[in-house]
Structures are given as structure tokens and as C-alpha cells.
C-alpha atoms as a PDB file:
ATOM      1  CA  MET A   1       4.031  10.866   1.835  1.00  0.00           C
ATOM      2  CA  ARG A   2       5.895  12.560  -0.984  1.00  0.00           C
ATOM      3  CA  THR A   3       4.759  15.845  -2.453  1.00  0.00           C
ATOM      4  CA  ALA A   4       3.455  16.280  -5.994  1.00  0.00           C
ATOM      5  CA  TYR A   5       6.672  18.106  -6.856  1.00  0.00           C
ATOM      6  CA  ASP A   6       8.776  15.222  -5.543  1.00  0.00           C
ATOM      7  CA  LEU A   7       6.753  12.781  -7.621  1.00  0.00           C
ATOM      8  CA  LEU A   8       7.099  14.973 -10.699  1.00  0.00           C
ATOM      9  CA  MET A   9      10.864  15.194 -10.324  1.00  0.00           C
ATOM     10  CA  THR A  10      11.212  11.411 -10.021  1.00  0.00           C
ATOM     11  CA  ALA A  11       8.442  10.347 -12.418  1.00  0.00           C
ATOM     12  CA  PRO A  12       9.147   7.607 -14.925  1.00  0.00           C
ATOM     13  CA  ASP A  13       9.354   8.999 -18.455  1.00  0.00           C
ATOM     14  CA  ASP A  14       5.939   7.648 -19.398  1.00  0.00           C
ATOM     15  CA  GLN A  15       4.291   9.354 -16.384  1.00  0.00           C
ATOM     16  CA  ILE A  16       5.746  12.856 -16.657  1.00  0.00           C
ATOM     17  CA  THR A  17       2.783  14.442 -18.467  1.00  0.00           C
ATOM     18  CA  ARG A  18       0.246  12.841 -16.153  1.00  0.00           C
ATOM     19  CA  CYS A  19       2.252  13.954 -13.131  1.00  0.00           C
ATOM     20  CA  GLN A  20       2.482  17.504 -14.501  1.00  0.00           C
ATOM     21  CA  LEU A  21      -1.308  17.551 -14.822  1.00  0.00           C
ATOM     22  CA  ALA A  22      -1.697  16.325 -11.245  1.00  0.00           C
ATOM     23  CA  HIS A  23       0.775  18.933  -9.987  1.00  0.00           C
ATOM     24  CA  ARG A  24      -1.178  21.715 -11.722  1.00  0.00           C
ATOM     25  CA  ALA A  25      -4.504  20.360 -10.458  1.00  0.00           C
ATOM     26  CA  ILE A  26      -3.231  20.353  -6.878  1.00  0.00           C
ATOM     27  CA  GLY A  27      -1.960  23.905  -7.296  1.00  0.00           C
ATOM     28  CA  ALA A  28      -5.408  24.939  -8.496  1.00  0.00           C
ATOM     29  CA  GLY A  29      -7.105  23.072  -5.664  1.00  0.00           C
ATOM     30  CA  ASP A  30      -8.815  20.693  -8.098  1.00  0.00           C
ATOM     31  CA  TRP A  31      -8.480  17.661  -5.849  1.00  0.00           C
ATOM     32  CA  ALA A  32     -10.730  15.354  -7.890  1.00  0.00           C
ATOM     33  CA  ASP A  33      -8.681  15.814 -11.064  1.00  0.00           C
ATOM     34  CA  ALA A  34      -5.424  15.404  -9.157  1.00  0.00           C
ATOM     35  CA  ALA A  35      -6.670  12.163  -7.591  1.00  0.00           C
ATOM     36  CA  HIS A  36      -7.752  10.900 -11.008  1.00  0.00           C
ATOM     37  CA  PHE A  37      -4.376  11.576 -12.650  1.00  0.00           C
ATOM     38  CA  LEU A  38      -2.442  10.102  -9.739  1.00  0.00           C
ATOM     39  CA  ARG A  39      -4.623   6.964  -9.496  1.00  0.00           C
ATOM     40  CA  ASN A  40      -4.066   6.247 -13.180  1.00  0.00           C
ATOM     41  CA  ALA A  41      -0.320   6.778 -12.840  1.00  0.00           C
ATOM     42  CA  ALA A  42      -0.236   4.536  -9.767  1.00  0.00           C
ATOM     43  CA  ARG A  43      -2.110   1.783 -11.623  1.00  0.00           C
ATOM     44  CA  GLU A  44       0.359   1.867 -14.487  1.00  0.00           C
ATOM     45  CA  CYS A  45       3.306   1.749 -12.082  1.00  0.00           C
ATOM     46  CA  ALA A  46       1.870  -0.866  -9.735  1.00  0.00           C
ATOM     47  CA  GLY A  47       4.529  -2.781  -7.851  1.00  0.00           C
ATOM     48  CA  GLN A  48       7.037   0.055  -8.029  1.00  0.00           C
ATOM     49  CA  THR A  49       7.898   2.415  -5.199  1.00  0.00           C
ATOM     50  CA  TRP A  50       6.976   5.415  -7.325  1.00  0.00           C
ATOM     51  CA  GLY A  51       3.549   3.909  -7.999  1.00  0.00           C
ATOM     52  CA  GLN A  52       2.989   3.377  -4.284  1.00  0.00           C
ATOM     53  CA  ASP A  53       3.904   6.998  -3.595  1.00  0.00           C
ATOM     54  CA  ALA A  54       1.529   8.163  -6.342  1.00  0.00           C
ATOM     55  CA  ALA A  55      -1.250   6.037  -4.828  1.00  0.00           C
ATOM     56  CA  ALA A  56      -0.652   7.576  -1.390  1.00  0.00           C
ATOM     57  CA  LEU A  57      -0.902  11.098  -2.794  1.00  0.00           C
ATOM     58  CA  ALA A  58      -4.012  10.091  -4.769  1.00  0.00           C
ATOM     59  CA  SER A  59      -5.602   8.913  -1.527  1.00  0.00           C
ATOM     60  CA  PHE A  60      -4.764  12.227   0.119  1.00  0.00           C
ATOM     61  CA  CYS A  61      -6.340  14.140  -2.767  1.00  0.00           C
ATOM     62  CA  GLN A  62      -9.421  11.927  -2.668  1.00  0.00           C
ATOM     63  CA  ALA A  63      -9.746  12.615   1.052  1.00  0.00           C
ATOM     64  CA  ARG A  64      -9.735  16.335   0.277  1.00  0.00           C
ATOM     65  CA  VAL A  65     -12.605  15.729  -2.159  1.00  0.00           C
ATOM     66  CA  ALA A  66     -14.502  13.744   0.470  1.00  0.00           C
ATOM     67  CA  THR A  67     -14.155  16.525   3.047  1.00  0.00           C
ATOM     68  CA  GLY A  68     -15.490  19.031   0.577  1.00  0.00           C
ATOM     69  CA  ALA A  69     -12.322  21.068   0.127  1.00  0.00           C
ATOM     70  CA  ALA A  70     -13.288  23.753  -2.358  1.00  0.00           C
ATOM     71  CA  PRO A  71     -11.179  24.522  -5.422  1.00  0.00           C
ATOM     72  CA  ARG A  72      -9.182  27.710  -5.246  1.00  0.00           C
ATOM     73  CA  ALA A  73     -10.680  30.713  -6.960  1.00  0.00           C
END
């Protein structure tokens, strides 16, 4: 699985802002927002390797939500 930073650095032009938001959300420990941004990016890039990587990271973030990982203070 690629990191949020890796995704940001290789994001298609139309996904840069969304990926920046996801990167910040992960840094803040806001897993639900990060999953949301990444799922939307993955949907728009379906069928591309980058979209698959975004979907994998979205699943990881969603798993953090499901386990009750608290946001950072």
C-alpha cells in the first residue's frame, strides 16, 4: 500500500486538491474524512493504478474508523 504522501506526489492533476485534503486529514488523525476524500478520488480514477492505490488507502483509513481510532488532539 502506498502512503498518502506517495499518492499526493503522483496524483493526477484533477485529484491534487482532494489528495491534499486526505493527506491533511490523515495527519490530523481524522480517518473518516481521509477515507471519504480517498474513496471519491478512487471512484473518479477507477480502472487506473492510481485509483486502485487510493482505494487501498481509503480502506485502511476506514478500518481505522471501524476500530475506533481517535483523532489526534
